[in-house]
Amino acid sequence: MKCVICKCPLLEKNGIYEFDSIIAGKLHIPDINYLECQTCHEKLIQPNDHSKIIKFVSAKEAELIVQQSIGNFVSAREASEMLGMSKQAFSKHSRIKRGYILSAPIDGRRYYLKESVNLFKTNNSDGRFRLRGKTQLQGAVHKETKDGVKYLNVCSGITGNSQEFQTEHHYSDNYFKFVKQNLSNAEYTKEKEYYVEKSEIR
């Protein structure tokens, strides 16, 4: 097979593939099979590895989204009102369904980043932007939504899988050890009580 750009031969390779994500920035994806032109270095991904790249990138982007403060999210109803459309039209919008508004599942419901909703409205129906991850626990504080449902604002300093903590409320001994070191006694007690409450509901 020859390069479509310079018509030189392509060489089969396996290694780290660099992908530039709008949301997560430059990502280095390991163990990818690709063809590379030895002249212009154009790369052609092998068909079986496309899904591996998509899965890796999607996971990294989702991890960054769930690290954002819970106060920065709005419900689907609030997001649709911000865009001046019905909730039904919002839920069926093809670009929203494809992720052009950044969102995260929280307790079985999907919430949307307010900044992304505003950007979607003003930026040609594209609300994607570069996110920055949080590197430390900034207070695991429970906040009340308009529905009166409690959510936990968990940052990335707890474990490598912060999404699991926000959506499924899986807590470990290591988690509580970390929280106790970073919160006051009153906040830590509140955290333990919340865990017991969620466990009883389940």
N, C-alpha and C. Protein backbone atom coordinates (compact mmCIF):
# COMPACT_ATOMS: atom_id res chain seq x y z
N MET A 1 0.85 -1.20 0.00
CA MET A 1 0.00 0.00 0.00
C MET A 1 0.88 1.25 0.00
N LYS A 2 0.43 2.29 -0.73
CA LYS A 2 1.21 3.52 -0.82
C LYS A 2 0.49 4.70 -0.16
N CYS A 3 1.28 5.67 0.26
CA CYS A 3 0.76 6.87 0.91
C CYS A 3 -0.08 7.67 -0.09
N VAL A 4 -1.24 8.12 0.36
CA VAL A 4 -2.13 8.88 -0.52
C VAL A 4 -1.61 10.29 -0.79
N ILE A 5 -0.65 10.75 0.03
CA ILE A 5 -0.11 12.10 -0.11
C ILE A 5 1.10 12.14 -1.03
N CYS A 6 2.10 11.29 -0.71
CA CYS A 6 3.34 11.35 -1.49
C CYS A 6 3.61 10.09 -2.32
N LYS A 7 2.69 9.13 -2.25
CA LYS A 7 2.76 7.91 -3.05
C LYS A 7 3.95 7.00 -2.70
N CYS A 8 4.53 7.22 -1.53
CA CYS A 8 5.64 6.37 -1.09
C CYS A 8 5.08 5.17 -0.31
N PRO A 9 5.86 4.09 -0.19
CA PRO A 9 5.39 2.89 0.52
C PRO A 9 5.08 3.15 1.99
N LEU A 10 4.09 2.44 2.52
CA LEU A 10 3.72 2.52 3.93
C LEU A 10 4.31 1.34 4.68
N LEU A 11 4.77 1.58 5.91
CA LEU A 11 5.37 0.55 6.73
C LEU A 11 4.46 0.23 7.91
N GLU A 12 4.20 -1.06 8.17
CA GLU A 12 3.37 -1.45 9.29
C GLU A 12 4.09 -1.21 10.61
N LYS A 13 3.38 -0.60 11.56
CA LYS A 13 3.97 -0.31 12.87
C LYS A 13 2.95 -0.56 13.97
N ASN A 14 3.47 -0.70 15.19
CA ASN A 14 2.64 -0.80 16.38
C ASN A 14 3.27 0.05 17.47
N GLY A 15 2.46 0.90 18.09
CA GLY A 15 3.03 1.76 19.12
C GLY A 15 2.03 2.77 19.64
N ILE A 16 2.54 3.88 20.14
CA ILE A 16 1.71 4.94 20.70
C ILE A 16 1.20 5.85 19.59
N TYR A 17 -0.10 6.08 19.60
CA TYR A 17 -0.71 6.95 18.61
C TYR A 17 -1.17 8.23 19.30
N GLU A 18 -0.80 9.38 18.75
CA GLU A 18 -1.18 10.66 19.34
C GLU A 18 -2.48 11.17 18.73
N PHE A 19 -3.42 11.51 19.61
CA PHE A 19 -4.72 12.00 19.16
C PHE A 19 -4.99 13.34 19.85
N ASP A 20 -5.39 14.34 19.08
CA ASP A 20 -5.67 15.66 19.63
C ASP A 20 -7.16 15.82 19.85
N SER A 21 -7.59 15.70 21.11
CA SER A 21 -9.00 15.81 21.46
C SER A 21 -9.36 17.26 21.78
N ILE A 22 -10.49 17.72 21.26
CA ILE A 22 -10.95 19.07 21.55
C ILE A 22 -11.16 19.25 23.05
N ILE A 23 -11.63 18.21 23.71
CA ILE A 23 -11.97 18.29 25.13
C ILE A 23 -10.79 18.00 26.05
N ALA A 24 -10.02 16.97 25.73
CA ALA A 24 -8.95 16.50 26.62
C ALA A 24 -7.54 16.90 26.18
N GLY A 25 -7.40 17.47 25.00
CA GLY A 25 -6.07 17.85 24.52
C GLY A 25 -5.36 16.66 23.89
N LYS A 26 -4.03 16.71 23.87
CA LYS A 26 -3.25 15.64 23.25
C LYS A 26 -3.25 14.39 24.13
N LEU A 27 -3.66 13.28 23.53
CA LEU A 27 -3.70 12.00 24.22
C LEU A 27 -2.77 11.02 23.52
N HIS A 28 -2.09 10.20 24.31
CA HIS A 28 -1.19 9.20 23.76
C HIS A 28 -1.79 7.82 24.02
N ILE A 29 -2.23 7.19 22.95
CA ILE A 29 -2.95 5.92 23.04
C ILE A 29 -1.99 4.77 22.74
N PRO A 30 -1.82 3.86 23.68
CA PRO A 30 -0.83 2.77 23.51
C PRO A 30 -1.36 1.62 22.65
N ASP A 31 -0.40 0.84 22.12
CA ASP A 31 -0.69 -0.43 21.44
C ASP A 31 -1.66 -0.26 20.27
N ILE A 32 -1.35 0.68 19.38
CA ILE A 32 -2.18 0.89 18.20
C ILE A 32 -1.42 0.42 16.95
N ASN A 33 -2.10 -0.33 16.10
CA ASN A 33 -1.52 -0.78 14.83
C ASN A 33 -1.83 0.25 13.75
N TYR A 34 -0.80 0.68 13.02
CA TYR A 34 -1.00 1.67 11.97
C TYR A 34 0.04 1.52 10.87
N LEU A 35 -0.24 2.14 9.75
CA LEU A 35 0.70 2.19 8.63
C LEU A 35 1.27 3.60 8.58
N GLU A 36 2.58 3.73 8.42
CA GLU A 36 3.21 5.05 8.41
C GLU A 36 4.09 5.22 7.18
N CYS A 37 3.96 6.37 6.56
CA CYS A 37 4.80 6.71 5.42
C CYS A 37 6.18 7.13 5.93
N GLN A 38 7.22 6.53 5.41
CA GLN A 38 8.57 6.83 5.87
C GLN A 38 9.10 8.16 5.32
N THR A 39 8.34 8.76 4.39
CA THR A 39 8.77 10.03 3.81
C THR A 39 8.08 11.23 4.46
N CYS A 40 6.75 11.22 4.45
CA CYS A 40 6.00 12.36 5.03
C CYS A 40 5.44 12.04 6.41
N HIS A 41 5.56 10.79 6.86
CA HIS A 41 5.12 10.33 8.18
C HIS A 41 3.61 10.40 8.40
N GLU A 42 2.87 10.43 7.30
CA GLU A 42 1.41 10.32 7.39
C GLU A 42 1.05 8.93 7.94
N LYS A 43 0.07 8.88 8.85
CA LYS A 43 -0.30 7.61 9.48
C LYS A 43 -1.71 7.19 9.06
N LEU A 44 -1.85 5.90 8.85
CA LEU A 44 -3.15 5.33 8.50
C LEU A 44 -3.47 4.24 9.51
N ILE A 45 -4.54 4.44 10.28
CA ILE A 45 -4.90 3.50 11.33
C ILE A 45 -5.50 2.23 10.73
N GLN A 46 -5.09 1.10 11.28
CA GLN A 46 -5.66 -0.16 10.84
C GLN A 46 -7.12 -0.23 11.29
N PRO A 47 -8.01 -0.77 10.44
CA PRO A 47 -9.46 -0.78 10.73
C PRO A 47 -9.83 -1.32 12.11
N ASN A 48 -9.19 -2.37 12.56
CA ASN A 48 -9.55 -2.98 13.84
C ASN A 48 -9.21 -2.11 15.05
N ASP A 49 -8.38 -1.09 14.85
CA ASP A 49 -7.95 -0.26 15.97
C ASP A 49 -8.72 1.05 16.08
N HIS A 50 -9.60 1.32 15.14
CA HIS A 50 -10.40 2.55 15.23
C HIS A 50 -11.25 2.56 16.49
N SER A 51 -11.91 1.44 16.79
CA SER A 51 -12.78 1.37 17.97
C SER A 51 -11.96 1.50 19.26
N LYS A 52 -10.73 1.01 19.26
CA LYS A 52 -9.87 1.13 20.44
C LYS A 52 -9.54 2.60 20.72
N ILE A 53 -9.29 3.36 19.66
CA ILE A 53 -8.99 4.78 19.81
C ILE A 53 -10.22 5.53 20.31
N ILE A 54 -11.36 5.26 19.72
CA ILE A 54 -12.61 5.93 20.12
C ILE A 54 -12.92 5.65 21.59
N LYS A 55 -12.75 4.40 22.00
CA LYS A 55 -13.03 4.01 23.39
C LYS A 55 -12.09 4.72 24.35
N PHE A 56 -10.81 4.78 24.02
CA PHE A 56 -9.81 5.42 24.87
C PHE A 56 -10.10 6.92 25.02
N VAL A 57 -10.33 7.58 23.89
CA VAL A 57 -10.58 9.02 23.90
C VAL A 57 -11.86 9.35 24.65
N SER A 58 -12.91 8.59 24.40
CA SER A 58 -14.20 8.82 25.07
C SER A 58 -14.07 8.69 26.58
N ALA A 59 -13.29 7.70 27.03
CA ALA A 59 -13.11 7.48 28.47
C ALA A 59 -12.36 8.65 29.10
N LYS A 60 -11.33 9.15 28.43
CA LYS A 60 -10.55 10.28 28.96
C LYS A 60 -11.39 11.55 29.01
N GLU A 61 -12.20 11.76 27.98
CA GLU A 61 -13.06 12.95 27.96
C GLU A 61 -14.12 12.87 29.05
N ALA A 62 -14.72 11.70 29.21
CA ALA A 62 -15.74 11.52 30.25
C ALA A 62 -15.15 11.72 31.64
N GLU A 63 -13.92 11.28 31.82
CA GLU A 63 -13.25 11.43 33.12
C GLU A 63 -13.07 12.90 33.47
N LEU A 64 -12.71 13.71 32.48
CA LEU A 64 -12.55 15.15 32.71
C LEU A 64 -13.88 15.83 32.99
N ILE A 65 -14.92 15.42 32.28
CA ILE A 65 -16.23 16.05 32.45
C ILE A 65 -16.76 15.83 33.87
N VAL A 66 -16.64 14.60 34.39
CA VAL A 66 -17.21 14.31 35.71
C VAL A 66 -16.39 14.93 36.83
N GLN A 67 -15.20 15.44 36.52
CA GLN A 67 -14.39 16.11 37.53
C GLN A 67 -14.82 17.55 37.75
N GLN A 68 -15.69 18.06 36.89
CA GLN A 68 -16.13 19.45 37.02
C GLN A 68 -17.09 19.58 38.22
N SER A 69 -17.11 20.76 38.80
CA SER A 69 -17.95 21.01 39.96
C SER A 69 -19.42 20.78 39.63
N ILE A 70 -20.15 20.14 40.54
CA ILE A 70 -21.55 19.83 40.32
C ILE A 70 -22.38 21.10 40.10
N GLY A 71 -21.92 22.21 40.66
CA GLY A 71 -22.63 23.47 40.50
C GLY A 71 -22.58 24.01 39.09
N ASN A 72 -21.70 23.45 38.25
CA ASN A 72 -21.58 23.91 36.87
C ASN A 72 -22.50 23.16 35.91
N PHE A 73 -23.27 22.20 36.45
CA PHE A 73 -24.16 21.41 35.61
C PHE A 73 -25.60 21.89 35.73
N VAL A 74 -26.37 21.69 34.66
CA VAL A 74 -27.81 21.98 34.68
C VAL A 74 -28.55 20.75 34.16
N SER A 75 -29.81 20.67 34.50
CA SER A 75 -30.64 19.54 34.04
C SER A 75 -30.97 19.71 32.56
N ALA A 76 -31.55 18.66 31.98
CA ALA A 76 -31.97 18.72 30.57
C ALA A 76 -33.03 19.80 30.38
N ARG A 77 -33.93 19.92 31.36
CA ARG A 77 -34.98 20.94 31.27
C ARG A 77 -34.38 22.33 31.27
N GLU A 78 -33.43 22.57 32.18
CA GLU A 78 -32.79 23.89 32.26
C GLU A 78 -31.98 24.18 30.99
N ALA A 79 -31.29 23.15 30.49
CA ALA A 79 -30.49 23.33 29.27
C ALA A 79 -31.38 23.66 28.07
N SER A 80 -32.52 22.98 27.96
CA SER A 80 -33.43 23.23 26.84
C SER A 80 -33.99 24.65 26.92
N GLU A 81 -34.28 25.11 28.13
CA GLU A 81 -34.78 26.48 28.32
C GLU A 81 -33.72 27.50 27.93
N MET A 82 -32.46 27.21 28.27
CA MET A 82 -31.36 28.11 27.92
C MET A 82 -31.22 28.23 26.40
N LEU A 83 -31.55 27.16 25.69
CA LEU A 83 -31.43 27.15 24.22
C LEU A 83 -32.71 27.57 23.53
N GLY A 84 -33.77 27.81 24.32
CA GLY A 84 -35.03 28.25 23.76
C GLY A 84 -35.73 27.19 22.93
N MET A 85 -35.63 25.94 23.36
CA MET A 85 -36.31 24.86 22.65
C MET A 85 -37.05 23.98 23.64
N SER A 86 -37.97 23.18 23.15
CA SER A 86 -38.71 22.28 24.02
C SER A 86 -37.78 21.16 24.51
N LYS A 87 -38.14 20.52 25.61
CA LYS A 87 -37.33 19.42 26.13
C LYS A 87 -37.30 18.26 25.14
N GLN A 88 -38.41 18.06 24.42
CA GLN A 88 -38.47 16.99 23.43
C GLN A 88 -37.53 17.26 22.26
N ALA A 89 -37.51 18.51 21.80
CA ALA A 89 -36.60 18.88 20.71
C ALA A 89 -35.15 18.78 21.17
N PHE A 90 -34.92 19.14 22.41
CA PHE A 90 -33.56 19.05 22.98
C PHE A 90 -33.09 17.59 22.99
N SER A 91 -33.94 16.69 23.46
CA SER A 91 -33.56 15.28 23.58
C SER A 91 -33.36 14.60 22.23
N LYS A 92 -34.00 15.15 21.18
CA LYS A 92 -33.90 14.55 19.85
C LYS A 92 -32.87 15.23 18.96
N HIS A 93 -32.28 16.31 19.44
CA HIS A 93 -31.32 17.07 18.62
C HIS A 93 -30.11 16.18 18.31
N SER A 94 -29.81 16.02 17.04
CA SER A 94 -28.77 15.08 16.62
C SER A 94 -27.38 15.46 17.14
N ARG A 95 -27.06 16.74 17.16
CA ARG A 95 -25.72 17.16 17.62
C ARG A 95 -25.60 17.04 19.13
N ILE A 96 -26.67 17.26 19.85
CA ILE A 96 -26.64 17.09 21.30
C ILE A 96 -26.47 15.61 21.63
N LYS A 97 -27.16 14.74 20.91
CA LYS A 97 -27.04 13.29 21.12
C LYS A 97 -25.64 12.80 20.79
N ARG A 98 -24.95 13.50 19.90
CA ARG A 98 -23.59 13.11 19.50
C ARG A 98 -22.51 13.73 20.38
N GLY A 99 -22.91 14.46 21.42
CA GLY A 99 -21.94 14.96 22.39
C GLY A 99 -21.42 16.36 22.17
N TYR A 100 -22.14 17.17 21.38
CA TYR A 100 -21.68 18.53 21.13
C TYR A 100 -22.00 19.47 22.31
N ILE A 101 -22.74 18.96 23.29
CA ILE A 101 -22.84 19.62 24.60
C ILE A 101 -22.27 18.65 25.61
N LEU A 102 -21.30 19.09 26.40
CA LEU A 102 -20.64 18.21 27.35
C LEU A 102 -21.60 17.86 28.49
N SER A 103 -21.68 16.57 28.80
CA SER A 103 -22.64 16.13 29.81
C SER A 103 -22.09 14.94 30.57
N ALA A 104 -22.76 14.61 31.67
CA ALA A 104 -22.35 13.47 32.49
C ALA A 104 -23.57 12.85 33.15
N PRO A 105 -23.57 11.52 33.29
CA PRO A 105 -24.67 10.85 34.00
C PRO A 105 -24.46 10.95 35.50
N ILE A 106 -25.48 11.40 36.21
CA ILE A 106 -25.41 11.52 37.67
C ILE A 106 -26.67 10.91 38.25
N ASP A 107 -26.51 9.84 39.02
CA ASP A 107 -27.64 9.15 39.63
C ASP A 107 -28.71 8.77 38.59
N GLY A 108 -28.27 8.27 37.46
CA GLY A 108 -29.20 7.78 36.45
C GLY A 108 -29.80 8.84 35.54
N ARG A 109 -29.44 10.09 35.75
CA ARG A 109 -29.95 11.16 34.90
C ARG A 109 -28.77 11.92 34.29
N ARG A 110 -28.97 12.48 33.11
CA ARG A 110 -27.89 13.18 32.43
C ARG A 110 -27.98 14.68 32.71
N TYR A 111 -26.84 15.26 33.10
CA TYR A 111 -26.75 16.70 33.37
C TYR A 111 -25.74 17.31 32.42
N TYR A 112 -25.90 18.61 32.13
CA TYR A 112 -25.13 19.27 31.08
C TYR A 112 -24.34 20.44 31.65
N LEU A 113 -23.09 20.59 31.19
CA LEU A 113 -22.27 21.71 31.64
C LEU A 113 -22.87 23.02 31.13
N LYS A 114 -23.12 23.93 32.05
CA LYS A 114 -23.77 25.20 31.69
C LYS A 114 -22.95 25.97 30.66
N GLU A 115 -21.63 26.00 30.85
CA GLU A 115 -20.75 26.71 29.93
C GLU A 115 -20.83 26.11 28.52
N SER A 116 -20.95 24.80 28.46
CA SER A 116 -21.04 24.13 27.17
C SER A 116 -22.38 24.43 26.48
N VAL A 117 -23.45 24.52 27.28
CA VAL A 117 -24.76 24.87 26.72
C VAL A 117 -24.71 26.27 26.11
N ASN A 118 -24.13 27.22 26.83
CA ASN A 118 -24.02 28.59 26.33
C ASN A 118 -23.17 28.65 25.07
N LEU A 119 -22.09 27.88 25.04
CA LEU A 119 -21.21 27.86 23.87
C LEU A 119 -21.93 27.24 22.67
N PHE A 120 -22.72 26.21 22.92
CA PHE A 120 -23.50 25.56 21.87
C PHE A 120 -24.45 26.57 21.21
N LYS A 121 -24.98 27.46 22.02
CA LYS A 121 -25.95 28.45 21.54
C LYS A 121 -25.29 29.50 20.66
N THR A 122 -24.02 29.83 20.94
CA THR A 122 -23.35 30.93 20.24
C THR A 122 -22.28 30.48 19.26
N ASN A 123 -21.94 29.20 19.26
CA ASN A 123 -20.79 28.74 18.48
C ASN A 123 -21.21 27.69 17.44
N ASN A 124 -22.21 28.01 16.64
CA ASN A 124 -22.58 27.10 15.54
C ASN A 124 -22.96 25.71 16.01
N SER A 125 -23.67 25.63 17.11
CA SER A 125 -24.13 24.34 17.66
C SER A 125 -22.98 23.41 18.01
N ASP A 126 -21.90 23.98 18.55
CA ASP A 126 -20.76 23.18 19.02
C ASP A 126 -20.34 23.71 20.39
N GLY A 127 -20.70 22.96 21.44
CA GLY A 127 -20.40 23.39 22.80
C GLY A 127 -19.16 22.74 23.39
N ARG A 128 -18.36 22.11 22.56
CA ARG A 128 -17.15 21.45 23.06
C ARG A 128 -16.04 22.46 23.30
N PHE A 129 -15.28 22.26 24.37
CA PHE A 129 -14.13 23.11 24.66
C PHE A 129 -13.14 22.35 25.54
N ARG A 130 -11.93 22.86 25.64
CA ARG A 130 -10.88 22.19 26.39
C ARG A 130 -11.15 22.26 27.89
N LEU A 131 -11.13 21.11 28.54
CA LEU A 131 -11.35 21.04 29.98
C LEU A 131 -10.04 20.80 30.70
N ARG A 132 -9.98 21.24 31.93
CA ARG A 132 -8.83 20.99 32.79
C ARG A 132 -9.26 20.11 33.94
N GLY A 133 -8.47 19.09 34.24
CA GLY A 133 -8.79 18.21 35.36
C GLY A 133 -8.41 18.84 36.68
N LYS A 134 -9.06 18.41 37.74
CA LYS A 134 -8.74 18.89 39.08
C LYS A 134 -7.76 17.92 39.71
N THR A 135 -6.78 18.46 40.43
CA THR A 135 -5.71 17.63 40.96
C THR A 135 -5.82 17.38 42.45
N GLN A 136 -6.81 17.99 43.10
CA GLN A 136 -6.93 17.76 44.53
C GLN A 136 -8.38 17.81 44.97
N LEU A 137 -8.65 17.22 46.09
CA LEU A 137 -10.01 17.24 46.62
C LEU A 137 -10.31 18.64 47.14
N GLN A 138 -11.37 19.24 46.63
CA GLN A 138 -11.71 20.60 47.02
C GLN A 138 -12.97 20.61 47.87
N GLY A 139 -13.06 19.64 48.78
CA GLY A 139 -14.21 19.57 49.65
C GLY A 139 -15.29 18.71 49.07
N ALA A 140 -15.48 17.54 49.63
CA ALA A 140 -16.55 16.67 49.14
C ALA A 140 -17.85 17.15 49.76
N VAL A 141 -18.50 18.07 49.10
CA VAL A 141 -19.65 18.77 49.67
C VAL A 141 -20.93 18.35 48.97
N HIS A 142 -21.96 18.05 49.74
CA HIS A 142 -23.25 17.70 49.17
C HIS A 142 -24.01 18.98 48.84
N LYS A 143 -24.59 18.99 47.66
CA LYS A 143 -25.39 20.13 47.25
C LYS A 143 -26.78 19.65 46.88
N GLU A 144 -27.74 20.53 47.04
CA GLU A 144 -29.13 20.19 46.73
C GLU A 144 -29.49 20.73 45.35
N THR A 145 -30.08 19.91 44.52
CA THR A 145 -30.60 20.38 43.25
C THR A 145 -32.02 20.87 43.49
N LYS A 146 -32.66 21.38 42.43
CA LYS A 146 -34.05 21.84 42.56
C LYS A 146 -34.98 20.68 42.87
N ASP A 147 -34.56 19.48 42.52
CA ASP A 147 -35.38 18.30 42.80
C ASP A 147 -35.18 17.79 44.22
N GLY A 148 -34.27 18.41 44.96
CA GLY A 148 -34.01 17.97 46.32
C GLY A 148 -33.18 16.71 46.40
N VAL A 149 -32.50 16.35 45.31
CA VAL A 149 -31.68 15.14 45.30
C VAL A 149 -30.24 15.50 45.64
N LYS A 150 -29.64 14.73 46.53
CA LYS A 150 -28.27 15.02 46.94
C LYS A 150 -27.27 14.44 45.96
N TYR A 151 -26.22 15.21 45.70
CA TYR A 151 -25.13 14.72 44.87
C TYR A 151 -23.81 15.02 45.57
N LEU A 152 -22.83 14.26 45.22
CA LEU A 152 -21.52 14.42 45.85
C LEU A 152 -20.54 14.97 44.83
N ASN A 153 -19.86 16.05 45.19
CA ASN A 153 -18.87 16.64 44.30
C ASN A 153 -17.53 15.97 44.57
N VAL A 154 -17.16 15.00 43.75
CA VAL A 154 -15.93 14.25 43.95
C VAL A 154 -14.91 14.67 42.91
N CYS A 155 -13.70 14.99 43.38
CA CYS A 155 -12.65 15.40 42.46
C CYS A 155 -11.67 14.26 42.22
N SER A 156 -10.74 14.48 41.30
CA SER A 156 -9.90 13.39 40.81
C SER A 156 -8.86 12.91 41.81
N GLY A 157 -8.68 13.58 42.93
CA GLY A 157 -7.68 13.16 43.87
C GLY A 157 -8.03 11.89 44.62
N ILE A 158 -9.25 11.39 44.47
CA ILE A 158 -9.69 10.23 45.24
C ILE A 158 -9.19 8.93 44.62
N THR A 159 -9.54 8.67 43.38
CA THR A 159 -9.04 7.48 42.68
C THR A 159 -8.91 7.82 41.21
N GLY A 160 -8.42 6.87 40.43
CA GLY A 160 -8.29 7.08 39.01
C GLY A 160 -9.63 7.03 38.31
N ASN A 161 -10.65 6.53 38.98
CA ASN A 161 -11.96 6.40 38.34
C ASN A 161 -12.98 7.26 39.06
N SER A 162 -12.88 8.57 38.87
CA SER A 162 -13.77 9.48 39.58
C SER A 162 -15.21 9.36 39.07
N GLN A 163 -15.38 8.92 37.82
CA GLN A 163 -16.74 8.77 37.28
C GLN A 163 -17.51 7.72 38.06
N GLU A 164 -16.85 6.64 38.45
CA GLU A 164 -17.52 5.59 39.21
C GLU A 164 -18.04 6.14 40.53
N PHE A 165 -17.23 7.03 41.16
CA PHE A 165 -17.65 7.57 42.45
C PHE A 165 -18.85 8.49 42.29
N GLN A 166 -18.89 9.29 41.21
CA GLN A 166 -19.99 10.23 41.07
C GLN A 166 -21.27 9.56 40.64
N THR A 167 -21.19 8.55 39.80
CA THR A 167 -22.41 7.99 39.25
C THR A 167 -22.94 6.80 40.03
N GLU A 168 -22.06 6.01 40.63
CA GLU A 168 -22.50 4.80 41.30
C GLU A 168 -22.34 4.86 42.82
N HIS A 169 -21.61 5.88 43.31
CA HIS A 169 -21.41 6.03 44.76
C HIS A 169 -20.77 4.78 45.38
N HIS A 170 -19.74 4.27 44.71
CA HIS A 170 -18.99 3.16 45.28
C HIS A 170 -17.88 3.74 46.16
N TYR A 171 -17.94 3.50 47.44
CA TYR A 171 -16.96 4.06 48.35
C TYR A 171 -16.12 2.94 48.97
N SER A 172 -14.83 3.21 49.12
CA SER A 172 -13.92 2.23 49.70
C SER A 172 -13.30 2.78 50.97
N ASP A 173 -12.62 1.88 51.71
CA ASP A 173 -11.92 2.32 52.92
C ASP A 173 -10.86 3.35 52.58
N ASN A 174 -10.17 3.17 51.44
CA ASN A 174 -9.15 4.13 51.02
C ASN A 174 -9.75 5.50 50.75
N TYR A 175 -10.98 5.48 50.21
CA TYR A 175 -11.67 6.75 49.94
C TYR A 175 -11.91 7.52 51.24
N PHE A 176 -12.47 6.84 52.24
CA PHE A 176 -12.77 7.52 53.49
C PHE A 176 -11.50 7.94 54.22
N LYS A 177 -10.44 7.16 54.05
CA LYS A 177 -9.15 7.54 54.64
C LYS A 177 -8.67 8.85 54.02
N PHE A 178 -8.82 8.96 52.69
CA PHE A 178 -8.41 10.16 51.99
C PHE A 178 -9.26 11.36 52.41
N VAL A 179 -10.57 11.14 52.47
CA VAL A 179 -11.49 12.21 52.84
C VAL A 179 -11.21 12.71 54.25
N LYS A 180 -10.94 11.79 55.18
CA LYS A 180 -10.71 12.17 56.57
C LYS A 180 -9.48 13.05 56.71
N GLN A 181 -8.51 12.85 55.83
CA GLN A 181 -7.28 13.63 55.87
C GLN A 181 -7.48 15.02 55.31
N ASN A 182 -8.53 15.21 54.50
CA ASN A 182 -8.71 16.47 53.79
C ASN A 182 -9.91 17.29 54.24
N LEU A 183 -10.77 16.72 55.07
CA LEU A 183 -11.95 17.44 55.51
C LEU A 183 -11.94 17.62 57.03
N SER A 184 -12.76 18.57 57.47
CA SER A 184 -12.92 18.76 58.91
C SER A 184 -13.71 17.59 59.49
N ASN A 185 -13.71 17.45 60.82
CA ASN A 185 -14.44 16.36 61.46
C ASN A 185 -15.93 16.41 61.13
N ALA A 186 -16.49 17.62 61.09
CA ALA A 186 -17.92 17.77 60.81
C ALA A 186 -18.24 17.33 59.38
N GLU A 187 -17.38 17.73 58.44
CA GLU A 187 -17.60 17.35 57.04
C GLU A 187 -17.42 15.85 56.85
N TYR A 188 -16.44 15.28 57.56
CA TYR A 188 -16.19 13.84 57.45
C TYR A 188 -17.39 13.05 57.98
N THR A 189 -17.95 13.49 59.11
CA THR A 189 -19.12 12.83 59.68
C THR A 189 -20.30 12.89 58.71
N LYS A 190 -20.48 14.05 58.10
CA LYS A 190 -21.55 14.22 57.13
C LYS A 190 -21.36 13.27 55.94
N GLU A 191 -20.11 13.10 55.55
CA GLU A 191 -19.79 12.22 54.44
C GLU A 191 -20.15 10.77 54.76
N LYS A 192 -19.82 10.33 55.97
CA LYS A 192 -20.12 8.96 56.39
C LYS A 192 -21.63 8.75 56.46
N GLU A 193 -22.35 9.74 56.98
CA GLU A 193 -23.80 9.63 57.09
C GLU A 193 -24.43 9.52 55.70
N TYR A 194 -23.90 10.26 54.75
CA TYR A 194 -24.42 10.22 53.39
C TYR A 194 -24.22 8.85 52.76
N TYR A 195 -23.05 8.26 53.01
CA TYR A 195 -22.75 6.93 52.48
C TYR A 195 -23.74 5.90 53.03
N VAL A 196 -24.00 5.96 54.34
CA VAL A 196 -24.95 5.03 54.97
C VAL A 196 -26.33 5.22 54.36
N GLU A 197 -26.73 6.48 54.16
CA GLU A 197 -28.05 6.78 53.58
C GLU A 197 -28.18 6.17 52.19
N LYS A 198 -27.14 6.32 51.35
CA LYS A 198 -27.20 5.77 50.01
C LYS A 198 -27.22 4.26 50.02
N SER A 199 -26.48 3.65 50.96
CA SER A 199 -26.43 2.20 51.06
C SER A 199 -27.80 1.63 51.42
N GLU A 200 -28.50 2.32 52.33
CA GLU A 200 -29.82 1.86 52.76
C GLU A 200 -30.83 1.95 51.62
N ILE A 201 -30.69 3.01 50.79
CA ILE A 201 -31.60 3.19 49.66
C ILE A 201 -31.41 2.05 48.67
N ARG A 202 -30.14 1.67 48.44
CA ARG A 202 -29.84 0.59 47.51
C ARG A 202 -30.35 -0.73 48.05
